[in-house]
Amino acid sequence: MAPIINPWFIYTISTLDQLRNVSNIILFLFVAVSGFLLFIGILMSGICTEELEITLKRAKMSIKHFGRYLLIIISISIACNILIPSSKTMYNMLIAYYVTPNNIESVRTGINGEVSDLVNILTGSINSVIKEVKK
């Protein structure tokens, strides 16, 4: 008998949820690094000696180059956080896809049939006990 929900869906949901968590961590780290570099840049720009100014120009070129990579990584992380839904949302979507009115109706008729069979068995057992007691 084939499973109703493919187990690969559950694996994919778990993997995407982990990817979202990693994306959150990367976003936090790179925003913290960007803030730290900005803070250092502001502090260093207040000190103006000629030697330090030449060093700052070189550092600014490196920071601008590094900043482009930071911006790209932060943009990708934000996109991942926006586009990858949470695992709860993915499970809700999976349930919404597989639970249809026909499925609900078939479960309802199956339950009604089982309940009526159980009532018939109990009624038969009670009647047989009553007959035994009357003897």
Protein backbone atom coordinates (compact mmCIF):
# COMPACT_ATOMS: atom_id res chain seq x y z
CA MET A 1 0.00 0.00 0.00
CA ALA A 2 1.47 3.36 -1.03
CA PRO A 3 1.75 6.09 1.60
CA ILE A 4 -0.81 8.87 1.42
CA ILE A 5 1.87 11.56 1.81
CA ASN A 6 5.22 10.98 0.18
CA PRO A 7 7.97 10.87 2.87
CA TRP A 8 10.16 13.00 0.63
CA PHE A 9 7.80 15.92 1.29
CA ILE A 10 8.55 15.67 5.00
CA TYR A 11 12.30 15.46 4.32
CA THR A 12 12.14 18.47 1.98
CA ILE A 13 10.22 20.50 4.54
CA SER A 14 12.80 19.70 7.20
CA THR A 15 15.69 20.56 4.89
CA LEU A 16 14.16 23.86 3.81
CA ASP A 17 13.50 24.76 7.42
CA GLN A 18 17.17 24.14 8.23
CA LEU A 19 18.19 26.25 5.22
CA ARG A 20 16.03 29.06 6.54
CA ASN A 21 17.66 28.78 9.97
CA VAL A 22 21.14 28.91 8.44
CA SER A 23 20.08 31.92 6.39
CA ASN A 24 18.95 33.66 9.59
CA ILE A 25 22.31 33.02 11.23
CA ILE A 26 24.24 34.24 8.19
CA LEU A 27 22.10 37.36 8.02
CA PHE A 28 22.68 38.13 11.69
CA LEU A 29 26.44 37.58 11.45
CA PHE A 30 26.92 39.67 8.34
CA VAL A 31 24.78 42.53 9.64
CA ALA A 32 26.86 42.48 12.84
CA VAL A 33 30.12 42.50 10.83
CA SER A 34 28.83 45.35 8.67
CA GLY A 35 27.89 47.37 11.73
CA PHE A 36 31.27 46.73 13.31
CA LEU A 37 33.12 47.82 10.15
CA LEU A 38 30.98 50.94 9.91
CA PHE A 39 31.71 51.75 13.55
CA ILE A 40 35.47 51.28 13.03
CA GLY A 41 35.33 53.44 9.90
CA ILE A 42 33.60 56.25 11.76
CA LEU A 43 36.12 56.09 14.61
CA MET A 44 39.11 56.08 12.27
CA SER A 45 37.85 58.93 10.13
CA GLY A 46 38.00 61.27 13.14
CA ILE A 47 41.78 60.86 13.42
CA CYS A 48 43.46 62.73 10.56
CA THR A 49 47.20 62.29 10.18
CA GLU A 50 48.81 61.98 6.77
CA GLU A 51 50.06 58.44 7.32
CA LEU A 52 46.74 57.33 8.71
CA GLU A 53 44.92 59.04 5.83
CA ILE A 54 46.90 57.04 3.27
CA THR A 55 46.22 53.84 5.23
CA LEU A 56 42.53 54.75 5.48
CA LYS A 57 42.29 55.24 1.70
CA ARG A 58 43.69 51.74 1.17
CA ALA A 59 41.42 50.34 3.87
CA LYS A 60 38.40 52.10 2.37
CA MET A 61 39.09 50.44 -0.97
CA SER A 62 39.27 47.04 0.74
CA ILE A 63 36.16 47.75 2.81
CA LYS A 64 34.23 48.86 -0.29
CA HIS A 65 35.23 45.66 -2.08
CA PHE A 66 34.32 43.59 0.99
CA GLY A 67 31.14 45.63 1.43
CA ARG A 68 29.90 44.60 -2.01
CA TYR A 69 30.22 40.95 -1.03
CA LEU A 70 28.50 41.67 2.27
CA LEU A 71 25.64 43.37 0.46
CA ILE A 72 25.24 40.44 -1.93
CA ILE A 73 25.26 37.88 0.89
CA ILE A 74 22.84 39.92 3.01
CA SER A 75 20.51 40.30 0.02
CA ILE A 76 20.54 36.55 -0.65
CA SER A 77 19.89 35.82 3.03
CA ILE A 78 16.96 38.24 3.13
CA ALA A 79 15.54 36.70 -0.05
CA CYS A 80 15.82 33.21 1.48
CA ASN A 81 14.06 34.37 4.63
CA ILE A 82 11.25 35.90 2.61
CA LEU A 83 10.80 33.14 0.04
CA ILE A 84 11.25 30.02 2.19
CA PRO A 85 8.17 29.56 4.36
CA SER A 86 8.41 28.21 7.89
CA SER A 87 7.98 24.49 8.47
CA LYS A 88 4.56 25.11 10.08
CA THR A 89 3.40 26.91 6.94
CA MET A 90 4.74 24.13 4.70
CA TYR A 91 2.94 21.45 6.73
CA ASN A 92 -0.27 23.48 6.57
CA MET A 93 0.11 23.75 2.80
CA LEU A 94 0.66 19.99 2.55
CA ILE A 95 -2.45 19.30 4.62
CA ALA A 96 -4.47 21.77 2.58
CA TYR A 97 -3.39 19.99 -0.60
CA TYR A 98 -4.28 16.48 0.56
CA VAL A 99 -7.42 17.17 2.63
CA THR A 100 -10.26 17.52 0.17
CA PRO A 101 -14.03 17.37 0.68
CA ASN A 102 -14.03 13.90 -0.91
CA ASN A 103 -11.39 12.68 1.57
CA ILE A 104 -13.34 14.09 4.50
CA GLU A 105 -16.56 12.48 3.26
CA SER A 106 -14.88 9.09 2.78
CA VAL A 107 -13.48 9.24 6.32
CA ARG A 108 -16.90 10.22 7.65
CA THR A 109 -18.64 7.29 5.91
CA GLY A 110 -15.89 4.93 7.06
CA ILE A 111 -16.26 6.08 10.66
CA ASN A 112 -20.06 5.84 10.48
CA GLY A 113 -19.76 2.28 9.14
CA GLU A 114 -17.31 1.32 11.90
CA VAL A 115 -19.50 2.87 14.60
CA SER A 116 -22.62 1.11 13.35
CA ASP A 117 -20.70 -2.21 13.25
CA LEU A 118 -19.49 -1.61 16.81
CA VAL A 119 -23.03 -0.79 17.99
CA ASN A 120 -24.33 -3.98 16.34
CA ILE A 121 -21.65 -6.07 18.05
CA LEU A 122 -22.36 -4.49 21.43
CA THR A 123 -26.11 -4.93 21.00
CA GLY A 124 -25.63 -8.57 20.08
CA SER A 125 -23.36 -9.14 23.09
CA ILE A 126 -25.82 -7.43 25.44
CA ASN A 127 -28.72 -9.49 24.03
CA SER A 128 -26.78 -12.74 24.50
CA VAL A 129 -25.91 -11.78 28.10
CA ILE A 130 -29.57 -10.94 28.78
CA LYS A 131 -30.63 -14.35 27.37
CA GLU A 132 -28.06 -16.12 29.56
CA VAL A 133 -29.25 -14.24 32.66
CA LYS A 134 -32.93 -15.11 31.94
CA LYS A 135 -32.13 -18.85 31.78
